[in-house]
Amino acid sequence: MSIDYESEDPKRTLYLWEYNAHWEEEYELIESSSGFQRHIIPVGELKVINDINSRNPEVEKILDISEPSTDTNDIVSALNRIADNLETLNKTIYNKQI
């Protein structure tokens, strides 16, 4: 993310940062134009968890994720599809907990 919280990674990678007890001394402190302060963590200290190129295909299959149609703007149909996907996801999670 940029200092203004804009994505700088086109793959929208999710990282894991393992806690460092000395983070306040080791990481650079910067301030945004709106006055918020934050520390910069070097990418080399982050572990890649997920990005748009490594998403689990089984999850995509369960949720029937596909490109939106360019032929229709039918919002009701899209919302029904989302509802169906949420119901499928709910059933899948519930069945795995039993």
PDB file of N, CA and C in Angstrom:
ATOM      1  N   MET A   1       0.842  -1.180   0.000  1.00  0.00           N
ATOM      2  CA  MET A   1       0.000   0.000   0.000  1.00  0.00           C
ATOM      3  C   MET A   1       0.882   1.236   0.000  1.00  0.00           C
ATOM      4  N   SER A   2       0.393   2.260  -0.638  1.00  0.00           N
ATOM      5  CA  SER A   2       1.081   3.540  -0.590  1.00  0.00           C
ATOM      6  C   SER A   2       0.775   4.215   0.738  1.00  0.00           C
ATOM      7  N   ILE A   3       1.415   5.319   0.987  1.00  0.00           N
ATOM      8  CA  ILE A   3       1.171   6.070   2.211  1.00  0.00           C
ATOM      9  C   ILE A   3      -0.285   6.511   2.298  1.00  0.00           C
ATOM     10  N   ASP A   4      -0.951   6.647   1.147  1.00  0.00           N
ATOM     11  CA  ASP A   4      -2.353   7.058   1.104  1.00  0.00           C
ATOM     12  C   ASP A   4      -3.295   5.865   0.970  1.00  0.00           C
ATOM     13  N   TYR A   5      -2.792   4.661   1.298  1.00  0.00           N
ATOM     14  CA  TYR A   5      -3.572   3.417   1.309  1.00  0.00           C
ATOM     15  C   TYR A   5      -4.112   3.029  -0.071  1.00  0.00           C
ATOM     16  N   GLU A   6      -3.328   3.280  -1.112  1.00  0.00           N
ATOM     17  CA  GLU A   6      -3.675   2.831  -2.457  1.00  0.00           C
ATOM     18  C   GLU A   6      -2.818   1.613  -2.784  1.00  0.00           C
ATOM     19  N   SER A   7      -3.429   0.592  -3.374  1.00  0.00           N
ATOM     20  CA  SER A   7      -2.697  -0.634  -3.679  1.00  0.00           C
ATOM     21  C   SER A   7      -1.592  -0.360  -4.688  1.00  0.00           C
ATOM     22  N   GLU A   8      -0.407  -0.862  -4.386  1.00  0.00           N
ATOM     23  CA  GLU A   8       0.724  -0.754  -5.308  1.00  0.00           C
ATOM     24  C   GLU A   8       1.079  -2.114  -5.885  1.00  0.00           C
ATOM     25  N   ASP A   9       0.283  -3.117  -5.584  1.00  0.00           N
ATOM     26  CA  ASP A   9       0.532  -4.480  -6.036  1.00  0.00           C
ATOM     27  C   ASP A   9      -0.639  -4.936  -6.899  1.00  0.00           C
ATOM     28  N   PRO A  10      -0.442  -5.059  -8.212  1.00  0.00           N
ATOM     29  CA  PRO A  10      -1.557  -5.461  -9.081  1.00  0.00           C
ATOM     30  C   PRO A  10      -2.089  -6.863  -8.777  1.00  0.00           C
ATOM     31  N   LYS A  11      -1.290  -7.710  -8.110  1.00  0.00           N
ATOM     32  CA  LYS A  11      -1.751  -9.060  -7.763  1.00  0.00           C
ATOM     33  C   LYS A  11      -2.488  -9.081  -6.426  1.00  0.00           C
ATOM     34  N   ARG A  12      -2.518  -7.935  -5.708  1.00  0.00           N
ATOM     35  CA  ARG A  12      -3.221  -7.828  -4.419  1.00  0.00           C
ATOM     36  C   ARG A  12      -2.783  -8.947  -3.463  1.00  0.00           C
ATOM     37  N   THR A  13      -1.477  -9.119  -3.327  1.00  0.00           N
ATOM     38  CA  THR A  13      -0.906 -10.188  -2.521  1.00  0.00           C
ATOM     39  C   THR A  13      -1.214  -9.992  -1.039  1.00  0.00           C
ATOM     40  N   LEU A  14      -1.567 -11.089  -0.387  1.00  0.00           N
ATOM     41  CA  LEU A  14      -1.768 -11.094   1.057  1.00  0.00           C
ATOM     42  C   LEU A  14      -0.500 -11.639   1.694  1.00  0.00           C
ATOM     43  N   TYR A  15       0.064 -10.885   2.639  1.00  0.00           N
ATOM     44  CA  TYR A  15       1.301 -11.275   3.309  1.00  0.00           C
ATOM     45  C   TYR A  15       1.057 -11.551   4.788  1.00  0.00           C
ATOM     46  N   LEU A  16       1.952 -12.342   5.382  1.00  0.00           N
ATOM     47  CA  LEU A  16       1.965 -12.575   6.819  1.00  0.00           C
ATOM     48  C   LEU A  16       3.229 -11.944   7.374  1.00  0.00           C
ATOM     49  N   TRP A  17       3.081 -11.143   8.410  1.00  0.00           N
ATOM     50  CA  TRP A  17       4.224 -10.569   9.102  1.00  0.00           C
ATOM     51  C   TRP A  17       4.332 -11.236  10.458  1.00  0.00           C
ATOM     52  N   GLU A  18       5.477 -11.868  10.726  1.00  0.00           N
ATOM     53  CA  GLU A  18       5.686 -12.489  12.029  1.00  0.00           C
ATOM     54  C   GLU A  18       6.147 -11.409  12.994  1.00  0.00           C
ATOM     55  N   TYR A  19       5.534 -11.373  14.154  1.00  0.00           N
ATOM     56  CA  TYR A  19       5.769 -10.330  15.138  1.00  0.00           C
ATOM     57  C   TYR A  19       7.252 -10.165  15.460  1.00  0.00           C
ATOM     58  N   ASN A  20       7.683  -8.922  15.531  1.00  0.00           N
ATOM     59  CA  ASN A  20       9.046  -8.558  15.889  1.00  0.00           C
ATOM     60  C   ASN A  20       8.941  -7.652  17.111  1.00  0.00           C
ATOM     61  N   ALA A  21       9.445  -8.102  18.246  1.00  0.00           N
ATOM     62  CA  ALA A  21       9.326  -7.341  19.489  1.00  0.00           C
ATOM     63  C   ALA A  21      10.012  -5.982  19.425  1.00  0.00           C
ATOM     64  N   HIS A  22      10.927  -5.804  18.490  1.00  0.00           N
ATOM     65  CA  HIS A  22      11.677  -4.548  18.372  1.00  0.00           C
ATOM     66  C   HIS A  22      11.211  -3.714  17.179  1.00  0.00           C
ATOM     67  N   TRP A  23       9.984  -3.889  16.770  1.00  0.00           N
ATOM     68  CA  TRP A  23       9.485  -3.231  15.561  1.00  0.00           C
ATOM     69  C   TRP A  23       9.560  -1.718  15.636  1.00  0.00           C
ATOM     70  N   GLU A  24       9.330  -1.140  16.784  1.00  0.00           N
ATOM     71  CA  GLU A  24       9.331   0.324  16.882  1.00  0.00           C
ATOM     72  C   GLU A  24      10.703   0.920  16.592  1.00  0.00           C
ATOM     73  N   GLU A  25      11.767   0.195  16.973  1.00  0.00           N
ATOM     74  CA  GLU A  25      13.121   0.689  16.735  1.00  0.00           C
ATOM     75  C   GLU A  25      13.648   0.310  15.353  1.00  0.00           C
ATOM     76  N   GLU A  26      13.209  -0.819  14.818  1.00  0.00           N
ATOM     77  CA  GLU A  26      13.792  -1.356  13.588  1.00  0.00           C
ATOM     78  C   GLU A  26      13.135  -0.860  12.305  1.00  0.00           C
ATOM     79  N   TYR A  27      11.865  -0.456  12.364  1.00  0.00           N
ATOM     80  CA  TYR A  27      11.163  -0.076  11.146  1.00  0.00           C
ATOM     81  C   TYR A  27      10.995   1.433  11.066  1.00  0.00           C
ATOM     82  N   GLU A  28      11.180   1.954   9.850  1.00  0.00           N
ATOM     83  CA  GLU A  28      11.070   3.393   9.604  1.00  0.00           C
ATOM     84  C   GLU A  28       9.635   3.875   9.844  1.00  0.00           C
ATOM     85  N   LEU A  29       9.522   5.011  10.506  1.00  0.00           N
ATOM     86  CA  LEU A  29       8.217   5.627  10.770  1.00  0.00           C
ATOM     87  C   LEU A  29       7.970   6.700   9.717  1.00  0.00           C
ATOM     88  N   ILE A  30       6.815   6.635   9.041  1.00  0.00           N
ATOM     89  CA  ILE A  30       6.460   7.649   8.050  1.00  0.00           C
ATOM     90  C   ILE A  30       5.094   8.225   8.395  1.00  0.00           C
ATOM     91  N   GLU A  31       4.801   9.383   7.834  1.00  0.00           N
ATOM     92  CA  GLU A  31       3.531  10.047   8.096  1.00  0.00           C
ATOM     93  C   GLU A  31       2.852  10.378   6.772  1.00  0.00           C
ATOM     94  N   SER A  32       1.547  10.091   6.693  1.00  0.00           N
ATOM     95  CA  SER A  32       0.783  10.367   5.477  1.00  0.00           C
ATOM     96  C   SER A  32       0.444  11.854   5.402  1.00  0.00           C
ATOM     97  N   SER A  33      -0.058  12.262   4.257  1.00  0.00           N
ATOM     98  CA  SER A  33      -0.458  13.659   4.076  1.00  0.00           C
ATOM     99  C   SER A  33      -1.604  14.046   5.003  1.00  0.00           C
ATOM    100  N   SER A  34      -2.350  13.047   5.473  1.00  0.00           N
ATOM    101  CA  SER A  34      -3.454  13.330   6.391  1.00  0.00           C
ATOM    102  C   SER A  34      -3.027  13.242   7.864  1.00  0.00           C
ATOM    103  N   GLY A  35      -1.743  12.983   8.112  1.00  0.00           N
ATOM    104  CA  GLY A  35      -1.232  12.990   9.471  1.00  0.00           C
ATOM    105  C   GLY A  35      -1.147  11.646  10.169  1.00  0.00           C
ATOM    106  N   PHE A  36      -1.544  10.574   9.486  1.00  0.00           N
ATOM    107  CA  PHE A  36      -1.461   9.251  10.105  1.00  0.00           C
ATOM    108  C   PHE A  36      -0.029   8.737  10.020  1.00  0.00           C
ATOM    109  N   GLN A  37       0.437   8.108  11.091  1.00  0.00           N
ATOM    110  CA  GLN A  37       1.780   7.555  11.129  1.00  0.00           C
ATOM    111  C   GLN A  37       1.726   6.042  11.035  1.00  0.00           C
ATOM    112  N   ARG A  38       2.750   5.483  10.382  1.00  0.00           N
ATOM    113  CA  ARG A  38       2.877   4.028  10.329  1.00  0.00           C
ATOM    114  C   ARG A  38       4.324   3.661  10.068  1.00  0.00           C
ATOM    115  N   HIS A  39       4.658   2.419  10.363  1.00  0.00           N
ATOM    116  CA  HIS A  39       6.007   1.918  10.170  1.00  0.00           C
ATOM    117  C   HIS A  39       6.077   1.133   8.867  1.00  0.00           C
ATOM    118  N   ILE A  40       7.201   1.211   8.186  1.00  0.00           N
ATOM    119  CA  ILE A  40       7.421   0.464   6.946  1.00  0.00           C
ATOM    120  C   ILE A  40       8.111  -0.847   7.288  1.00  0.00           C
ATOM    121  N   ILE A  41       7.490  -1.963   6.893  1.00  0.00           N
ATOM    122  CA  ILE A  41       8.076  -3.289   7.102  1.00  0.00           C
ATOM    123  C   ILE A  41       8.661  -3.745   5.775  1.00  0.00           C
ATOM    124  N   PRO A  42       9.940  -4.106   5.735  1.00  0.00           N
ATOM    125  CA  PRO A  42      10.550  -4.573   4.480  1.00  0.00           C
ATOM    126  C   PRO A  42       9.841  -5.820   3.946  1.00  0.00           C
ATOM    127  N   VAL A  43       9.620  -5.856   2.645  1.00  0.00           N
ATOM    128  CA  VAL A  43       8.918  -6.977   2.015  1.00  0.00           C
ATOM    129  C   VAL A  43       9.651  -8.287   2.283  1.00  0.00           C
ATOM    130  N   GLY A  44      10.966  -8.236   2.402  1.00  0.00           N
ATOM    131  CA  GLY A  44      11.749  -9.441   2.661  1.00  0.00           C
ATOM    132  C   GLY A  44      11.400 -10.115   3.981  1.00  0.00           C
ATOM    133  N   GLU A  45      10.769  -9.398   4.886  1.00  0.00           N
ATOM    134  CA  GLU A  45      10.366  -9.968   6.172  1.00  0.00           C
ATOM    135  C   GLU A  45       8.936 -10.508   6.145  1.00  0.00           C
ATOM    136  N   LEU A  46       8.271 -10.426   5.005  1.00  0.00           N
ATOM    137  CA  LEU A  46       6.891 -10.878   4.881  1.00  0.00           C
ATOM    138  C   LEU A  46       6.828 -12.224   4.174  1.00  0.00           C
ATOM    139  N   LYS A  47       5.877 -13.046   4.566  1.00  0.00           N
ATOM    140  CA  LYS A  47       5.646 -14.337   3.930  1.00  0.00           C
ATOM    141  C   LYS A  47       4.392 -14.230   3.072  1.00  0.00           C
ATOM    142  N   VAL A  48       4.498 -14.618   1.802  1.00  0.00           N
ATOM    143  CA  VAL A  48       3.350 -14.576   0.894  1.00  0.00           C
ATOM    144  C   VAL A  48       2.356 -15.646   1.305  1.00  0.00           C
ATOM    145  N   ILE A  49       1.113 -15.223   1.518  1.00  0.00           N
ATOM    146  CA  ILE A  49       0.038 -16.146   1.881  1.00  0.00           C
ATOM    147  C   ILE A  49      -0.827 -16.464   0.672  1.00  0.00           C
ATOM    148  N   ASN A  50      -1.174 -15.439  -0.112  1.00  0.00           N
ATOM    149  CA  ASN A  50      -2.110 -15.625  -1.217  1.00  0.00           C
ATOM    150  C   ASN A  50      -2.023 -14.426  -2.148  1.00  0.00           C
ATOM    151  N   ASP A  51      -2.242 -14.656  -3.429  1.00  0.00           N
ATOM    152  CA  ASP A  51      -2.416 -13.569  -4.387  1.00  0.00           C
ATOM    153  C   ASP A  51      -3.395 -14.041  -5.462  1.00  0.00           C
ATOM    154  N   ILE A  52      -3.753 -13.161  -6.361  1.00  0.00           N
ATOM    155  CA  ILE A  52      -4.786 -13.533  -7.340  1.00  0.00           C
ATOM    156  C   ILE A  52      -4.333 -14.640  -8.284  1.00  0.00           C
ATOM    157  N   ASN A  53      -3.019 -14.914  -8.346  1.00  0.00           N
ATOM    158  CA  ASN A  53      -2.522 -15.984  -9.208  1.00  0.00           C
ATOM    159  C   ASN A  53      -2.433 -17.323  -8.496  1.00  0.00           C
ATOM    160  N   SER A  54      -2.583 -17.329  -7.170  1.00  0.00           N
ATOM    161  CA  SER A  54      -2.442 -18.587  -6.436  1.00  0.00           C
ATOM    162  C   SER A  54      -3.669 -18.918  -5.603  1.00  0.00           C
ATOM    163  N   ARG A  55      -4.815 -18.402  -5.979  1.00  0.00           N
ATOM    164  CA  ARG A  55      -6.037 -18.695  -5.240  1.00  0.00           C
ATOM    165  C   ARG A  55      -6.384 -20.164  -5.393  1.00  0.00           C
ATOM    166  N   ASN A  56      -6.997 -20.704  -4.384  1.00  0.00           N
ATOM    167  CA  ASN A  56      -7.358 -22.108  -4.366  1.00  0.00           C
ATOM    168  C   ASN A  56      -8.446 -22.376  -5.401  1.00  0.00           C
ATOM    169  N   PRO A  57      -8.160 -23.199  -6.416  1.00  0.00           N
ATOM    170  CA  PRO A  57      -9.175 -23.466  -7.456  1.00  0.00           C
ATOM    171  C   PRO A  57     -10.416 -24.162  -6.916  1.00  0.00           C
ATOM    172  N   GLU A  58     -10.284 -24.919  -5.822  1.00  0.00           N
ATOM    173  CA  GLU A  58     -11.454 -25.577  -5.236  1.00  0.00           C
ATOM    174  C   GLU A  58     -12.439 -24.552  -4.689  1.00  0.00           C
ATOM    175  N   VAL A  59     -11.918 -23.478  -4.085  1.00  0.00           N
ATOM    176  CA  VAL A  59     -12.792 -22.422  -3.584  1.00  0.00           C
ATOM    177  C   VAL A  59     -13.495 -21.746  -4.751  1.00  0.00           C
ATOM    178  N   GLU A  60     -12.749 -21.462  -5.808  1.00  0.00           N
ATOM    179  CA  GLU A  60     -13.361 -20.851  -6.984  1.00  0.00           C
ATOM    180  C   GLU A  60     -14.432 -21.754  -7.588  1.00  0.00           C
ATOM    181  N   LYS A  61     -14.199 -23.077  -7.574  1.00  0.00           N
ATOM    182  CA  LYS A  61     -15.185 -24.021  -8.110  1.00  0.00           C
ATOM    183  C   LYS A  61     -16.442 -24.028  -7.239  1.00  0.00           C
ATOM    184  N   ILE A  62     -16.260 -24.060  -5.922  1.00  0.00           N
ATOM    185  CA  ILE A  62     -17.399 -24.078  -4.999  1.00  0.00           C
ATOM    186  C   ILE A  62     -18.242 -22.824  -5.178  1.00  0.00           C
ATOM    187  N   LEU A  63     -17.569 -21.688  -5.310  1.00  0.00           N
ATOM    188  CA  LEU A  63     -18.285 -20.414  -5.402  1.00  0.00           C
ATOM    189  C   LEU A  63     -18.680 -20.047  -6.821  1.00  0.00           C
ATOM    190  N   ASP A  64     -18.290 -20.858  -7.804  1.00  0.00           N
ATOM    191  CA  ASP A  64     -18.608 -20.585  -9.199  1.00  0.00           C
ATOM    192  C   ASP A  64     -18.160 -19.168  -9.579  1.00  0.00           C
ATOM    193  N   ILE A  65     -16.881 -18.869  -9.291  1.00  0.00           N
ATOM    194  CA  ILE A  65     -16.331 -17.551  -9.620  1.00  0.00           C
ATOM    195  C   ILE A  65     -15.988 -17.523 -11.097  1.00  0.00           C
ATOM    196  N   SER A  66     -16.521 -16.564 -11.786  1.00  0.00           N
ATOM    197  CA  SER A  66     -16.205 -16.389 -13.201  1.00  0.00           C
ATOM    198  C   SER A  66     -16.281 -14.908 -13.541  1.00  0.00           C
ATOM    199  N   GLU A  67     -15.811 -14.577 -14.720  1.00  0.00           N
ATOM    200  CA  GLU A  67     -15.858 -13.188 -15.165  1.00  0.00           C
ATOM    201  C   GLU A  67     -17.316 -12.756 -15.330  1.00  0.00           C
ATOM    202  N   PRO A  68     -17.636 -11.522 -14.935  1.00  0.00           N
ATOM    203  CA  PRO A  68     -19.008 -11.047 -15.121  1.00  0.00           C
ATOM    204  C   PRO A  68     -19.360 -10.922 -16.599  1.00  0.00           C
ATOM    205  N   SER A  69     -20.595 -11.142 -16.892  1.00  0.00           N
ATOM    206  CA  SER A  69     -21.063 -11.044 -18.265  1.00  0.00           C
ATOM    207  C   SER A  69     -21.036  -9.597 -18.731  1.00  0.00           C
ATOM    208  N   THR A  70     -20.608  -9.402 -19.955  1.00  0.00           N
ATOM    209  CA  THR A  70     -20.636  -8.063 -20.544  1.00  0.00           C
ATOM    210  C   THR A  70     -21.929  -7.841 -21.316  1.00  0.00           C
ATOM    211  N   ASP A  71     -22.773  -8.881 -21.383  1.00  0.00           N
ATOM    212  CA  ASP A  71     -24.007  -8.797 -22.161  1.00  0.00           C
ATOM    213  C   ASP A  71     -25.200  -8.301 -21.334  1.00  0.00           C
ATOM    214  N   THR A  72     -25.065  -8.239 -20.030  1.00  0.00           N
ATOM    215  CA  THR A  72     -26.237  -7.881 -19.222  1.00  0.00           C
ATOM    216  C   THR A  72     -25.850  -7.022 -18.025  1.00  0.00           C
ATOM    217  N   ASN A  73     -26.769  -6.199 -17.619  1.00  0.00           N
ATOM    218  CA  ASN A  73     -26.610  -5.387 -16.412  1.00  0.00           C
ATOM    219  C   ASN A  73     -27.695  -5.755 -15.407  1.00  0.00           C
ATOM    220  N   ASP A  74     -28.130  -6.992 -15.446  1.00  0.00           N
ATOM    221  CA  ASP A  74     -29.235  -7.438 -14.620  1.00  0.00           C
ATOM    222  C   ASP A  74     -28.775  -7.593 -13.170  1.00  0.00           C
ATOM    223  N   ILE A  75     -29.000  -6.592 -12.370  1.00  0.00           N
ATOM    224  CA  ILE A  75     -28.546  -6.566 -10.987  1.00  0.00           C
ATOM    225  C   ILE A  75     -29.230  -7.649 -10.164  1.00  0.00           C
ATOM    226  N   VAL A  76     -30.502  -7.878 -10.377  1.00  0.00           N
ATOM    227  CA  VAL A  76     -31.226  -8.892  -9.608  1.00  0.00           C
ATOM    228  C   VAL A  76     -30.619 -10.270  -9.847  1.00  0.00           C
ATOM    229  N   SER A  77     -30.305 -10.571 -11.085  1.00  0.00           N
ATOM    230  CA  SER A  77     -29.695 -11.855 -11.410  1.00  0.00           C
ATOM    231  C   SER A  77     -28.335 -11.992 -10.723  1.00  0.00           C
ATOM    232  N   ALA A  78     -27.549 -10.931 -10.744  1.00  0.00           N
ATOM    233  CA  ALA A  78     -26.240 -10.962 -10.093  1.00  0.00           C
ATOM    234  C   ALA A  78     -26.382 -11.155  -8.590  1.00  0.00           C
ATOM    235  N   LEU A  79     -27.332 -10.479  -7.975  1.00  0.00           N
ATOM    236  CA  LEU A  79     -27.544 -10.623  -6.530  1.00  0.00           C
ATOM    237  C   LEU A  79     -28.026 -12.029  -6.179  1.00  0.00           C
ATOM    238  N   ASN A  80     -28.867 -12.626  -7.027  1.00  0.00           N
ATOM    239  CA  ASN A  80     -29.311 -14.004  -6.798  1.00  0.00           C
ATOM    240  C   ASN A  80     -28.131 -14.968  -6.866  1.00  0.00           C
ATOM    241  N   ARG A  81     -27.219 -14.732  -7.795  1.00  0.00           N
ATOM    242  CA  ARG A  81     -26.027 -15.574  -7.915  1.00  0.00           C
ATOM    243  C   ARG A  81     -25.154 -15.447  -6.667  1.00  0.00           C
ATOM    244  N   ILE A  82     -24.995 -14.230  -6.168  1.00  0.00           N
ATOM    245  CA  ILE A  82     -24.228 -14.012  -4.942  1.00  0.00           C
ATOM    246  C   ILE A  82     -24.886 -14.747  -3.781  1.00  0.00           C
ATOM    247  N   ALA A  83     -26.212 -14.655  -3.679  1.00  0.00           N
ATOM    248  CA  ALA A  83     -26.936 -15.346  -2.605  1.00  0.00           C
ATOM    249  C   ALA A  83     -26.734 -16.856  -2.698  1.00  0.00           C
ATOM    250  N   ASP A  84     -26.797 -17.400  -3.908  1.00  0.00           N
ATOM    251  CA  ASP A  84     -26.572 -18.831  -4.102  1.00  0.00           C
ATOM    252  C   ASP A  84     -25.153 -19.221  -3.674  1.00  0.00           C
ATOM    253  N   ASN A  85     -24.174 -18.399  -4.044  1.00  0.00           N
ATOM    254  CA  ASN A  85     -22.787 -18.676  -3.670  1.00  0.00           C
ATOM    255  C   ASN A  85     -22.595 -18.626  -2.160  1.00  0.00           C
ATOM    256  N   LEU A  86     -23.228 -17.672  -1.512  1.00  0.00           N
ATOM    257  CA  LEU A  86     -23.129 -17.580  -0.056  1.00  0.00           C
ATOM    258  C   LEU A  86     -23.767 -18.789   0.617  1.00  0.00           C
ATOM    259  N   GLU A  87     -24.881 -19.231   0.088  1.00  0.00           N
ATOM    260  CA  GLU A  87     -25.547 -20.419   0.637  1.00  0.00           C
ATOM    261  C   GLU A  87     -24.672 -21.658   0.461  1.00  0.00           C
ATOM    262  N   THR A  88     -24.049 -21.802  -0.713  1.00  0.00           N
ATOM    263  CA  THR A  88     -23.153 -22.928  -0.964  1.00  0.00           C
ATOM    264  C   THR A  88     -21.964 -22.884  -0.020  1.00  0.00           C
ATOM    265  N   LEU A  89     -21.389 -21.709   0.163  1.00  0.00           N
ATOM    266  CA  LEU A  89     -20.256 -21.545   1.063  1.00  0.00           C
ATOM    267  C   LEU A  89     -20.661 -21.885   2.497  1.00  0.00           C
ATOM    268  N   ASN A  90     -21.822 -21.430   2.909  1.00  0.00           N
ATOM    269  CA  ASN A  90     -22.320 -21.722   4.251  1.00  0.00           C
ATOM    270  C   ASN A  90     -22.481 -23.227   4.452  1.00  0.00           C
ATOM    271  N   LYS A  91     -23.060 -23.908   3.495  1.00  0.00           N
ATOM    272  CA  LYS A  91     -23.251 -25.356   3.591  1.00  0.00           C
ATOM    273  C   LYS A  91     -21.899 -26.079   3.630  1.00  0.00           C
ATOM    274  N   THR A  92     -20.959 -25.610   2.825  1.00  0.00           N
ATOM    275  CA  THR A  92     -19.633 -26.241   2.771  1.00  0.00           C
ATOM    276  C   THR A  92     -18.923 -26.079   4.111  1.00  0.00           C
ATOM    277  N   ILE A  93     -18.953 -24.892   4.671  1.00  0.00           N
ATOM    278  CA  ILE A  93     -18.300 -24.649   5.962  1.00  0.00           C
ATOM    279  C   ILE A  93     -18.986 -25.460   7.055  1.00  0.00           C
ATOM    280  N   TYR A  94     -20.321 -25.453   7.071  1.00  0.00           N
ATOM    281  CA  TYR A  94     -21.068 -26.175   8.098  1.00  0.00           C
ATOM    282  C   TYR A  94     -20.765 -27.666   8.047  1.00  0.00           C
ATOM    283  N   ASN A  95     -20.740 -28.251   6.844  1.00  0.00           N
ATOM    284  CA  ASN A  95     -20.485 -29.687   6.690  1.00  0.00           C
ATOM    285  C   ASN A  95     -19.077 -30.056   7.134  1.00  0.00           C
ATOM    286  N   LYS A  96     -18.104 -29.163   6.973  1.00  0.00           N
ATOM    287  CA  LYS A  96     -16.727 -29.466   7.381  1.00  0.00           C
ATOM    288  C   LYS A  96     -16.557 -29.370   8.889  1.00  0.00           C
ATOM    289  N   GLN A  97     -17.464 -28.684   9.575  1.00  0.00           N
ATOM    290  CA  GLN A  97     -17.355 -28.540  11.013  1.00  0.00           C
ATOM    291  C   GLN A  97     -17.963 -29.723  11.748  1.00  0.00           C
ATOM    292  N   ILE A  98     -18.775 -30.483  11.077  1.00  0.00           N
ATOM    293  CA  ILE A  98     -19.455 -31.611  11.729  1.00  0.00           C
ATOM    294  C   ILE A  98     -18.500 -32.755  11.937  1.00  0.00           C
TER     295      ILE A  98
END
